[in-house]
Amino acid sequence: PQFLDKLDNIPKGINLLPYVPMNPLLGYVMGIDESKTGRM
């Protein structure tokens, strides 16, 4: 949500529709290195 707020406040000549990407989500929850081990 803070990232979306940031996008709101920067100049845009085009519209943005946002998806939540799984790479940073996995890294945020599990830790980047741990998320790359392939464990469940």
PDB file of all heavy atoms in Angstrom:
ATOM      1  N   PRO A   1       0.815  -1.225   0.000  1.00  0.00           N
ATOM      2  CA  PRO A   1       0.000   0.000   0.000  1.00  0.00           C
ATOM      3  C   PRO A   1       0.847   1.273   0.000  1.00  0.00           C
ATOM      4  O   PRO A   1       0.479   2.256  -0.660  1.00  0.00           O
ATOM      5  CB  PRO A   1      -0.831  -0.134   1.280  1.00  0.00           C
ATOM      6  CG  PRO A   1      -0.980  -1.608   1.466  1.00  0.00           C
ATOM      7  CD  PRO A   1       0.352  -2.167   1.041  1.00  0.00           C
ATOM      8  N   GLN A   2       1.966   1.272   0.698  1.00  0.00           N
ATOM      9  CA  GLN A   2       2.844   2.448   0.690  1.00  0.00           C
ATOM     10  C   GLN A   2       3.441   2.659  -0.701  1.00  0.00           C
ATOM     11  O   GLN A   2       3.612   3.806  -1.148  1.00  0.00           O
ATOM     12  CB  GLN A   2       3.950   2.282   1.728  1.00  0.00           C
ATOM     13  CG  GLN A   2       3.472   2.382   3.157  1.00  0.00           C
ATOM     14  CD  GLN A   2       4.535   1.981   4.175  1.00  0.00           C
ATOM     15  OE1 GLN A   2       5.496   1.278   3.846  1.00  0.00           O
ATOM     16  NE2 GLN A   2       4.359   2.410   5.412  1.00  0.00           N
ATOM     17  N   PHE A   3       3.749   1.565  -1.388  1.00  0.00           N
ATOM     18  CA  PHE A   3       4.273   1.677  -2.755  1.00  0.00           C
ATOM     19  C   PHE A   3       3.229   2.303  -3.680  1.00  0.00           C
ATOM     20  O   PHE A   3       3.548   3.173  -4.498  1.00  0.00           O
ATOM     21  CB  PHE A   3       4.672   0.286  -3.248  1.00  0.00           C
ATOM     22  CG  PHE A   3       5.193   0.246  -4.658  1.00  0.00           C
ATOM     23  CD1 PHE A   3       6.383   0.876  -5.004  1.00  0.00           C
ATOM     24  CD2 PHE A   3       4.501  -0.436  -5.648  1.00  0.00           C
ATOM     25  CE1 PHE A   3       6.869   0.828  -6.310  1.00  0.00           C
ATOM     26  CE2 PHE A   3       4.970  -0.488  -6.954  1.00  0.00           C
ATOM     27  CZ  PHE A   3       6.162   0.143  -7.275  1.00  0.00           C
ATOM     28  N   LEU A   4       1.972   1.885  -3.550  1.00  0.00           N
ATOM     29  CA  LEU A   4       0.916   2.498  -4.360  1.00  0.00           C
ATOM     30  C   LEU A   4       0.770   3.982  -4.055  1.00  0.00           C
ATOM     31  O   LEU A   4       0.567   4.794  -4.971  1.00  0.00           O
ATOM     32  CB  LEU A   4      -0.413   1.783  -4.136  1.00  0.00           C
ATOM     33  CG  LEU A   4      -0.534   0.344  -4.638  1.00  0.00           C
ATOM     34  CD1 LEU A   4      -1.963  -0.161  -4.443  1.00  0.00           C
ATOM     35  CD2 LEU A   4      -0.126   0.211  -6.096  1.00  0.00           C
ATOM     36  N   ASP A   5       0.878   4.342  -2.790  1.00  0.00           N
ATOM     37  CA  ASP A   5       0.812   5.764  -2.431  1.00  0.00           C
ATOM     38  C   ASP A   5       1.946   6.534  -3.095  1.00  0.00           C
ATOM     39  O   ASP A   5       1.750   7.668  -3.562  1.00  0.00           O
ATOM     40  CB  ASP A   5       0.892   5.936  -0.913  1.00  0.00           C
ATOM     41  CG  ASP A   5      -0.355   5.448  -0.192  1.00  0.00           C
ATOM     42  OD1 ASP A   5      -1.399   5.275  -0.861  1.00  0.00           O
ATOM     43  OD2 ASP A   5      -0.282   5.218   1.035  1.00  0.00           O
ATOM     44  N   LYS A   6       3.128   5.913  -3.149  1.00  0.00           N
ATOM     45  CA  LYS A   6       4.258   6.568  -3.813  1.00  0.00           C
ATOM     46  C   LYS A   6       3.969   6.767  -5.294  1.00  0.00           C
ATOM     47  O   LYS A   6       4.223   7.848  -5.849  1.00  0.00           O
ATOM     48  CB  LYS A   6       5.526   5.724  -3.626  1.00  0.00           C
ATOM     49  CG  LYS A   6       6.788   6.367  -4.192  1.00  0.00           C
ATOM     50  CD  LYS A   6       7.155   7.616  -3.404  1.00  0.00           C
ATOM     51  CE  LYS A   6       8.408   8.278  -3.937  1.00  0.00           C
ATOM     52  NZ  LYS A   6       8.792   9.464  -3.131  1.00  0.00           N
ATOM     53  N   LEU A   7       3.435   5.750  -5.942  1.00  0.00           N
ATOM     54  CA  LEU A   7       3.117   5.871  -7.365  1.00  0.00           C
ATOM     55  C   LEU A   7       2.071   6.947  -7.605  1.00  0.00           C
ATOM     56  O   LEU A   7       2.120   7.651  -8.618  1.00  0.00           O
ATOM     57  CB  LEU A   7       2.616   4.531  -7.904  1.00  0.00           C
ATOM     58  CG  LEU A   7       3.622   3.378  -7.948  1.00  0.00           C
ATOM     59  CD1 LEU A   7       2.965   2.124  -8.492  1.00  0.00           C
ATOM     60  CD2 LEU A   7       4.855   3.729  -8.766  1.00  0.00           C
ATOM     61  N   ASP A   8       1.135   7.092  -6.690  1.00  0.00           N
ATOM     62  CA  ASP A   8       0.125   8.151  -6.813  1.00  0.00           C
ATOM     63  C   ASP A   8       0.771   9.525  -6.913  1.00  0.00           C
ATOM     64  O   ASP A   8       0.258  10.413  -7.604  1.00  0.00           O
ATOM     65  CB  ASP A   8      -0.816   8.144  -5.599  1.00  0.00           C
ATOM     66  CG  ASP A   8      -1.992   7.198  -5.767  1.00  0.00           C
ATOM     67  OD1 ASP A   8      -2.369   6.912  -6.920  1.00  0.00           O
ATOM     68  OD2 ASP A   8      -2.516   6.742  -4.739  1.00  0.00           O
ATOM     69  N   ASN A   9       1.873   9.701  -6.216  1.00  0.00           N
ATOM     70  CA  ASN A   9       2.435  11.036  -6.014  1.00  0.00           C
ATOM     71  C   ASN A   9       3.579  11.390  -6.950  1.00  0.00           C
ATOM     72  O   ASN A   9       4.234  12.421  -6.762  1.00  0.00           O
ATOM     73  CB  ASN A   9       2.886  11.188  -4.557  1.00  0.00           C
ATOM     74  CG  ASN A   9       1.717  11.189  -3.593  1.00  0.00           C
ATOM     75  OD1 ASN A   9       0.691  11.797  -3.864  1.00  0.00           O
ATOM     76  ND2 ASN A   9       1.849  10.483  -2.481  1.00  0.00           N
ATOM     77  N   ILE A  10       3.860  10.540  -7.942  1.00  0.00           N
ATOM     78  CA  ILE A  10       4.891  10.887  -8.916  1.00  0.00           C
ATOM     79  C   ILE A  10       4.227  11.171 -10.255  1.00  0.00           C
ATOM     80  O   ILE A  10       3.140  10.651 -10.543  1.00  0.00           O
ATOM     81  CB  ILE A  10       5.975   9.790  -9.045  1.00  0.00           C
ATOM     82  CG1 ILE A  10       5.350   8.453  -9.472  1.00  0.00           C
ATOM     83  CG2 ILE A  10       6.733   9.630  -7.734  1.00  0.00           C
ATOM     84  CD1 ILE A  10       6.373   7.361  -9.654  1.00  0.00           C
ATOM     85  N   PRO A  11       4.836  11.997 -11.109  1.00  0.00           N
ATOM     86  CA  PRO A  11       4.208  12.354 -12.396  1.00  0.00           C
ATOM     87  C   PRO A  11       4.028  11.129 -13.285  1.00  0.00           C
ATOM     88  O   PRO A  11       4.932  10.292 -13.402  1.00  0.00           O
ATOM     89  CB  PRO A  11       5.204  13.346 -13.003  1.00  0.00           C
ATOM     90  CG  PRO A  11       6.031  13.832 -11.870  1.00  0.00           C
ATOM     91  CD  PRO A  11       6.113  12.696 -10.896  1.00  0.00           C
ATOM     92  N   LYS A  12       2.869  11.063 -13.937  1.00  0.00           N
ATOM     93  CA  LYS A  12       2.557   9.939 -14.825  1.00  0.00           C
ATOM     94  C   LYS A  12       1.832  10.463 -16.054  1.00  0.00           C
ATOM     95  O   LYS A  12       0.805  11.138 -15.937  1.00  0.00           O
ATOM     96  CB  LYS A  12       1.665   8.916 -14.111  1.00  0.00           C
ATOM     97  CG  LYS A  12       2.321   8.210 -12.944  1.00  0.00           C
ATOM     98  CD  LYS A  12       1.357   7.328 -12.185  1.00  0.00           C
ATOM     99  CE  LYS A  12       0.294   8.140 -11.456  1.00  0.00           C
ATOM    100  NZ  LYS A  12       0.828   9.025 -10.417  1.00  0.00           N
ATOM    101  N   GLY A  13       2.350  10.138 -17.211  1.00  0.00           N
ATOM    102  CA  GLY A  13       1.660  10.463 -18.449  1.00  0.00           C
ATOM    103  C   GLY A  13       0.834   9.315 -18.965  1.00  0.00           C
ATOM    104  O   GLY A  13       0.175   9.419 -20.002  1.00  0.00           O
ATOM    105  N   ILE A  14       0.851   8.193 -18.239  1.00  0.00           N
ATOM    106  CA  ILE A  14       0.185   6.950 -18.629  1.00  0.00           C
ATOM    107  C   ILE A  14      -0.423   6.340 -17.371  1.00  0.00           C
ATOM    108  O   ILE A  14       0.095   6.521 -16.272  1.00  0.00           O
ATOM    109  CB  ILE A  14       1.200   5.993 -19.293  1.00  0.00           C
ATOM    110  CG1 ILE A  14       1.505   6.457 -20.721  1.00  0.00           C
ATOM    111  CG2 ILE A  14       0.720   4.551 -19.304  1.00  0.00           C
ATOM    112  CD1 ILE A  14       2.530   5.621 -21.441  1.00  0.00           C
ATOM    113  N   ASN A  15      -1.507   5.604 -17.524  1.00  0.00           N
ATOM    114  CA  ASN A  15      -2.141   4.938 -16.386  1.00  0.00           C
ATOM    115  C   ASN A  15      -1.402   3.651 -16.021  1.00  0.00           C
ATOM    116  O   ASN A  15      -0.882   2.946 -16.893  1.00  0.00           O
ATOM    117  CB  ASN A  15      -3.593   4.590 -16.714  1.00  0.00           C
ATOM    118  CG  ASN A  15      -4.409   5.807 -17.085  1.00  0.00           C
ATOM    119  OD1 ASN A  15      -4.446   6.788 -16.349  1.00  0.00           O
ATOM    120  ND2 ASN A  15      -5.071   5.753 -18.241  1.00  0.00           N
ATOM    121  N   LEU A  16      -1.393   3.328 -14.730  1.00  0.00           N
ATOM    122  CA  LEU A  16      -0.754   2.119 -14.221  1.00  0.00           C
ATOM    123  C   LEU A  16      -1.792   1.233 -13.547  1.00  0.00           C
ATOM    124  O   LEU A  16      -2.501   1.686 -12.639  1.00  0.00           O
ATOM    125  CB  LEU A  16       0.322   2.457 -13.190  1.00  0.00           C
ATOM    126  CG  LEU A  16       1.378   3.494 -13.531  1.00  0.00           C
ATOM    127  CD1 LEU A  16       2.296   3.715 -12.330  1.00  0.00           C
ATOM    128  CD2 LEU A  16       2.192   3.059 -14.741  1.00  0.00           C
ATOM    129  N   LEU A  17      -1.883  -0.020 -13.960  1.00  0.00           N
ATOM    130  CA  LEU A  17      -2.681  -1.004 -13.245  1.00  0.00           C
ATOM    131  C   LEU A  17      -1.717  -1.951 -12.543  1.00  0.00           C
ATOM    132  O   LEU A  17      -0.880  -2.568 -13.198  1.00  0.00           O
ATOM    133  CB  LEU A  17      -3.607  -1.758 -14.194  1.00  0.00           C
ATOM    134  CG  LEU A  17      -4.582  -2.726 -13.516  1.00  0.00           C
ATOM    135  CD1 LEU A  17      -5.950  -2.673 -14.173  1.00  0.00           C
ATOM    136  CD2 LEU A  17      -4.060  -4.162 -13.551  1.00  0.00           C
ATOM    137  N   PRO A  18      -1.794  -2.062 -11.203  1.00  0.00           N
ATOM    138  CA  PRO A  18      -0.746  -2.777 -10.457  1.00  0.00           C
ATOM    139  C   PRO A  18      -1.114  -4.203 -10.063  1.00  0.00           C
ATOM    140  O   PRO A  18      -2.195  -4.460  -9.536  1.00  0.00           O
ATOM    141  CB  PRO A  18      -0.599  -1.905  -9.205  1.00  0.00           C
ATOM    142  CG  PRO A  18      -1.980  -1.353  -8.969  1.00  0.00           C
ATOM    143  CD  PRO A  18      -2.657  -1.261 -10.321  1.00  0.00           C
ATOM    144  N   TYR A  19      -0.207  -5.137 -10.309  1.00  0.00           N
ATOM    145  CA  TYR A  19      -0.282  -6.486  -9.763  1.00  0.00           C
ATOM    146  C   TYR A  19       0.721  -6.618  -8.616  1.00  0.00           C
ATOM    147  O   TYR A  19       1.758  -5.950  -8.608  1.00  0.00           O
ATOM    148  CB  TYR A  19       0.065  -7.525 -10.827  1.00  0.00           C
ATOM    149  CG  TYR A  19      -0.995  -7.783 -11.862  1.00  0.00           C
ATOM    150  CD1 TYR A  19      -0.680  -8.441 -13.035  1.00  0.00           C
ATOM    151  CD2 TYR A  19      -2.317  -7.398 -11.674  1.00  0.00           C
ATOM    152  CE1 TYR A  19      -1.643  -8.697 -14.010  1.00  0.00           C
ATOM    153  CE2 TYR A  19      -3.287  -7.648 -12.626  1.00  0.00           C
ATOM    154  CZ  TYR A  19      -2.945  -8.295 -13.795  1.00  0.00           C
ATOM    155  OH  TYR A  19      -3.907  -8.541 -14.744  1.00  0.00           O
ATOM    156  N   VAL A  20       0.442  -7.523  -7.683  1.00  0.00           N
ATOM    157  CA  VAL A  20       1.373  -7.816  -6.597  1.00  0.00           C
ATOM    158  C   VAL A  20       2.336  -8.892  -7.079  1.00  0.00           C
ATOM    159  O   VAL A  20       1.912 -10.012  -7.403  1.00  0.00           O
ATOM    160  CB  VAL A  20       0.636  -8.303  -5.340  1.00  0.00           C
ATOM    161  CG1 VAL A  20       1.632  -8.664  -4.243  1.00  0.00           C
ATOM    162  CG2 VAL A  20      -0.335  -7.227  -4.844  1.00  0.00           C
ATOM    163  N   PRO A  21       3.626  -8.596  -7.153  1.00  0.00           N
ATOM    164  CA  PRO A  21       4.586  -9.581  -7.652  1.00  0.00           C
ATOM    165  C   PRO A  21       5.036 -10.534  -6.542  1.00  0.00           C
ATOM    166  O   PRO A  21       5.286 -10.125  -5.409  1.00  0.00           O
ATOM    167  CB  PRO A  21       5.750  -8.714  -8.144  1.00  0.00           C
ATOM    168  CG  PRO A  21       5.668  -7.464  -7.309  1.00  0.00           C
ATOM    169  CD  PRO A  21       4.229  -7.269  -6.938  1.00  0.00           C
ATOM    170  N   MET A  22       5.144 -11.814  -6.890  1.00  0.00           N
ATOM    171  CA  MET A  22       5.459 -12.824  -5.883  1.00  0.00           C
ATOM    172  C   MET A  22       6.925 -12.824  -5.462  1.00  0.00           C
ATOM    173  O   MET A  22       7.250 -13.263  -4.354  1.00  0.00           O
ATOM    174  CB  MET A  22       5.087 -14.217  -6.404  1.00  0.00           C
ATOM    175  CG  MET A  22       3.595 -14.505  -6.358  1.00  0.00           C
ATOM    176  SD  MET A  22       2.864 -14.335  -4.703  1.00  0.00           S
ATOM    177  CE  MET A  22       3.778 -15.574  -3.786  1.00  0.00           C
ATOM    178  N   ASN A  23       7.839 -12.349  -6.315  1.00  0.00           N
ATOM    179  CA  ASN A  23       9.252 -12.373  -5.938  1.00  0.00           C
ATOM    180  C   ASN A  23       9.523 -11.555  -4.672  1.00  0.00           C
ATOM    181  O   ASN A  23      10.080 -12.077  -3.699  1.00  0.00           O
ATOM    182  CB  ASN A  23      10.109 -11.893  -7.111  1.00  0.00           C
ATOM    183  CG  ASN A  23      11.572 -11.761  -6.761  1.00  0.00           C
ATOM    184  OD1 ASN A  23      12.010 -10.716  -6.296  1.00  0.00           O
ATOM    185  ND2 ASN A  23      12.337 -12.814  -6.960  1.00  0.00           N
ATOM    186  N   PRO A  24       9.137 -10.290  -4.613  1.00  0.00           N
ATOM    187  CA  PRO A  24       9.367  -9.555  -3.368  1.00  0.00           C
ATOM    188  C   PRO A  24       8.496 -10.057  -2.223  1.00  0.00           C
ATOM    189  O   PRO A  24       8.913  -9.988  -1.059  1.00  0.00           O
ATOM    190  CB  PRO A  24       9.034  -8.105  -3.732  1.00  0.00           C
ATOM    191  CG  PRO A  24       8.189  -8.185  -4.941  1.00  0.00           C
ATOM    192  CD  PRO A  24       8.618  -9.408  -5.678  1.00  0.00           C
ATOM    193  N   LEU A  25       7.313 -10.577  -2.522  1.00  0.00           N
ATOM    194  CA  LEU A  25       6.453 -11.090  -1.454  1.00  0.00           C
ATOM    195  C   LEU A  25       7.095 -12.299  -0.777  1.00  0.00           C
ATOM    196  O   LEU A  25       7.142 -12.392   0.465  1.00  0.00           O
ATOM    197  CB  LEU A  25       5.085 -11.446  -2.029  1.00  0.00           C
ATOM    198  CG  LEU A  25       4.042 -12.042  -1.075  1.00  0.00           C
ATOM    199  CD1 LEU A  25       3.870 -11.190   0.161  1.00  0.00           C
ATOM    200  CD2 LEU A  25       2.718 -12.230  -1.789  1.00  0.00           C
ATOM    201  N   LEU A  26       7.606 -13.226  -1.563  1.00  0.00           N
ATOM    202  CA  LEU A  26       8.312 -14.379  -0.990  1.00  0.00           C
ATOM    203  C   LEU A  26       9.522 -13.934  -0.186  1.00  0.00           C
ATOM    204  O   LEU A  26       9.773 -14.427   0.922  1.00  0.00           O
ATOM    205  CB  LEU A  26       8.753 -15.332  -2.101  1.00  0.00           C
ATOM    206  CG  LEU A  26       7.674 -16.145  -2.806  1.00  0.00           C
ATOM    207  CD1 LEU A  26       8.224 -16.753  -4.087  1.00  0.00           C
ATOM    208  CD2 LEU A  26       7.154 -17.251  -1.884  1.00  0.00           C
ATOM    209  N   GLY A  27      10.304 -13.008  -0.746  1.00  0.00           N
ATOM    210  CA  GLY A  27      11.503 -12.541  -0.059  1.00  0.00           C
ATOM    211  C   GLY A  27      11.191 -11.806   1.224  1.00  0.00           C
ATOM    212  O   GLY A  27      11.928 -11.916   2.213  1.00  0.00           O
ATOM    213  N   TYR A  28      10.098 -11.065   1.229  1.00  0.00           N
ATOM    214  CA  TYR A  28       9.720 -10.294   2.420  1.00  0.00           C
ATOM    215  C   TYR A  28       9.326 -11.222   3.562  1.00  0.00           C
ATOM    216  O   TYR A  28       9.705 -11.002   4.723  1.00  0.00           O
ATOM    217  CB  TYR A  28       8.559  -9.363   2.073  1.00  0.00           C
ATOM    218  CG  TYR A  28       8.185  -8.400   3.172  1.00  0.00           C
ATOM    219  CD1 TYR A  28       8.861  -7.189   3.319  1.00  0.00           C
ATOM    220  CD2 TYR A  28       7.141  -8.680   4.049  1.00  0.00           C
ATOM    221  CE1 TYR A  28       8.517  -6.292   4.317  1.00  0.00           C
ATOM    222  CE2 TYR A  28       6.784  -7.800   5.050  1.00  0.00           C
ATOM    223  CZ  TYR A  28       7.478  -6.604   5.180  1.00  0.00           C
ATOM    224  OH  TYR A  28       7.135  -5.726   6.176  1.00  0.00           O
ATOM    225  N   VAL A  29       8.583 -12.273   3.256  1.00  0.00           N
ATOM    226  CA  VAL A  29       8.078 -13.173   4.289  1.00  0.00           C
ATOM    227  C   VAL A  29       9.132 -14.177   4.729  1.00  0.00           C
ATOM    228  O   VAL A  29       9.320 -14.424   5.930  1.00  0.00           O
ATOM    229  CB  VAL A  29       6.815 -13.903   3.790  1.00  0.00           C
ATOM    230  CG1 VAL A  29       6.383 -14.987   4.770  1.00  0.00           C
ATOM    231  CG2 VAL A  29       5.688 -12.907   3.571  1.00  0.00           C
ATOM    232  N   MET A  30       9.833 -14.766   3.790  1.00  0.00           N
ATOM    233  CA  MET A  30      10.755 -15.863   4.099  1.00  0.00           C
ATOM    234  C   MET A  30      12.199 -15.406   4.241  1.00  0.00           C
ATOM    235  O   MET A  30      13.038 -16.161   4.772  1.00  0.00           O
ATOM    236  CB  MET A  30      10.683 -16.918   2.992  1.00  0.00           C
ATOM    237  CG  MET A  30       9.320 -17.535   2.790  1.00  0.00           C
ATOM    238  SD  MET A  30       9.275 -18.703   1.393  1.00  0.00           S
ATOM    239  CE  MET A  30      10.303 -20.039   2.037  1.00  0.00           C
ATOM    240  N   GLY A  31      12.519 -14.195   3.775  1.00  0.00           N
ATOM    241  CA  GLY A  31      13.906 -13.787   3.628  1.00  0.00           C
ATOM    242  C   GLY A  31      14.365 -14.139   2.225  1.00  0.00           C
ATOM    243  O   GLY A  31      14.039 -15.233   1.722  1.00  0.00           O
ATOM    244  N   ILE A  32      15.083 -13.245   1.579  1.00  0.00           N
ATOM    245  CA  ILE A  32      15.421 -13.452   0.170  1.00  0.00           C
ATOM    246  C   ILE A  32      16.208 -14.730  -0.035  1.00  0.00           C
ATOM    247  O   ILE A  32      15.867 -15.565  -0.894  1.00  0.00           O
ATOM    248  CB  ILE A  32      16.184 -12.231  -0.376  1.00  0.00           C
ATOM    249  CG1 ILE A  32      15.252 -11.013  -0.418  1.00  0.00           C
ATOM    250  CG2 ILE A  32      16.732 -12.522  -1.778  1.00  0.00           C
ATOM    251  CD1 ILE A  32      15.924  -9.730  -0.825  1.00  0.00           C
ATOM    252  N   ASP A  33      17.263 -14.921   0.747  1.00  0.00           N
ATOM    253  CA  ASP A  33      18.095 -16.119   0.556  1.00  0.00           C
ATOM    254  C   ASP A  33      17.310 -17.392   0.854  1.00  0.00           C
ATOM    255  O   ASP A  33      17.409 -18.384   0.118  1.00  0.00           O
ATOM    256  CB  ASP A  33      19.341 -16.042   1.434  1.00  0.00           C
ATOM    257  CG  ASP A  33      20.315 -14.968   0.986  1.00  0.00           C
ATOM    258  OD1 ASP A  33      20.285 -14.600  -0.208  1.00  0.00           O
ATOM    259  OD2 ASP A  33      21.104 -14.487   1.817  1.00  0.00           O
ATOM    260  N   GLU A  34      16.524 -17.365   1.920  1.00  0.00           N
ATOM    261  CA  GLU A  34      15.759 -18.554   2.286  1.00  0.00           C
ATOM    262  C   GLU A  34      14.702 -18.869   1.233  1.00  0.00           C
ATOM    263  O   GLU A  34      14.434 -20.045   0.923  1.00  0.00           O
ATOM    264  CB  GLU A  34      15.101 -18.346   3.650  1.00  0.00           C
ATOM    265  CG  GLU A  34      14.345 -19.543   4.179  1.00  0.00           C
ATOM    266  CD  GLU A  34      15.231 -20.733   4.547  1.00  0.00           C
ATOM    267  OE1 GLU A  34      16.477 -20.539   4.642  1.00  0.00           O
ATOM    268  OE2 GLU A  34      14.703 -21.848   4.711  1.00  0.00           O
ATOM    269  N   SER A  35      14.109 -17.830   0.650  1.00  0.00           N
ATOM    270  CA  SER A  35      13.065 -18.062  -0.352  1.00  0.00           C
ATOM    271  C   SER A  35      13.623 -18.680  -1.620  1.00  0.00           C
ATOM    272  O   SER A  35      12.863 -19.222  -2.427  1.00  0.00           O
ATOM    273  CB  SER A  35      12.353 -16.746  -0.689  1.00  0.00           C
ATOM    274  OG  SER A  35      13.188 -15.869  -1.423  1.00  0.00           O
ATOM    275  N   LYS A  36      14.943 -18.605  -1.796  1.00  0.00           N
ATOM    276  CA  LYS A  36      15.575 -19.166  -2.993  1.00  0.00           C
ATOM    277  C   LYS A  36      16.026 -20.612  -2.790  1.00  0.00           C
ATOM    278  O   LYS A  36      16.534 -21.233  -3.722  1.00  0.00           O
ATOM    279  CB  LYS A  36      16.769 -18.295  -3.407  1.00  0.00           C
ATOM    280  CG  LYS A  36      16.348 -16.954  -4.003  1.00  0.00           C
ATOM    281  CD  LYS A  36      17.507 -15.974  -4.096  1.00  0.00           C
ATOM    282  CE  LYS A  36      18.617 -16.445  -4.981  1.00  0.00           C
ATOM    283  NZ  LYS A  36      18.225 -16.405  -6.409  1.00  0.00           N
ATOM    284  N   THR A  37      15.842 -21.158  -1.573  1.00  0.00           N
ATOM    285  CA  THR A  37      16.254 -22.544  -1.336  1.00  0.00           C
ATOM    286  C   THR A  37      15.263 -23.543  -1.903  1.00  0.00           C
ATOM    287  O   THR A  37      15.597 -24.720  -2.080  1.00  0.00           O
ATOM    288  CB  THR A  37      16.405 -22.808   0.170  1.00  0.00           C
ATOM    289  OG1 THR A  37      15.117 -22.677   0.810  1.00  0.00           O
ATOM    290  CG2 THR A  37      17.389 -21.831   0.806  1.00  0.00           C
ATOM    291  N   GLY A  38      14.042 -23.095  -2.150  1.00  0.00           N
ATOM    292  CA  GLY A  38      13.029 -24.000  -2.679  1.00  0.00           C
ATOM    293  C   GLY A  38      12.264 -24.765  -1.628  1.00  0.00           C
ATOM    294  O   GLY A  38      11.474 -25.651  -1.966  1.00  0.00           O
ATOM    295  N   ARG A  39      12.451 -24.423  -0.354  1.00  0.00           N
ATOM    296  CA  ARG A  39      11.687 -25.140   0.665  1.00  0.00           C
ATOM    297  C   ARG A  39      10.233 -24.668   0.663  1.00  0.00           C
ATOM    298  O   ARG A  39       9.919 -23.561   0.245  1.00  0.00           O
ATOM    299  CB  ARG A  39      12.302 -24.951   2.044  1.00  0.00           C
ATOM    300  CG  ARG A  39      12.056 -23.608   2.697  1.00  0.00           C
ATOM    301  CD  ARG A  39      12.311 -23.677   4.199  1.00  0.00           C
ATOM    302  NE  ARG A  39      12.250 -22.364   4.831  1.00  0.00           N
ATOM    303  CZ  ARG A  39      11.122 -21.775   5.224  1.00  0.00           C
ATOM    304  NH1 ARG A  39       9.949 -22.353   5.004  1.00  0.00           N
ATOM    305  NH2 ARG A  39      11.158 -20.583   5.802  1.00  0.00           N
ATOM    306  N   MET A  40       9.368 -25.532   1.141  1.00  0.00           N
ATOM    307  CA  MET A  40       7.955 -25.194   1.248  1.00  0.00           C
ATOM    308  C   MET A  40       7.754 -24.171   2.362  1.00  0.00           C
ATOM    309  O   MET A  40       8.267 -24.350   3.472  1.00  0.00           O
ATOM    310  CB  MET A  40       7.135 -26.441   1.554  1.00  0.00           C
ATOM    311  CG  MET A  40       5.651 -26.173   1.752  1.00  0.00           C
ATOM    312  SD  MET A  40       4.785 -25.883   0.211  1.00  0.00           S
ATOM    313  CE  MET A  40       4.714 -27.573  -0.406  1.00  0.00           C
TER     314      MET A  40
END
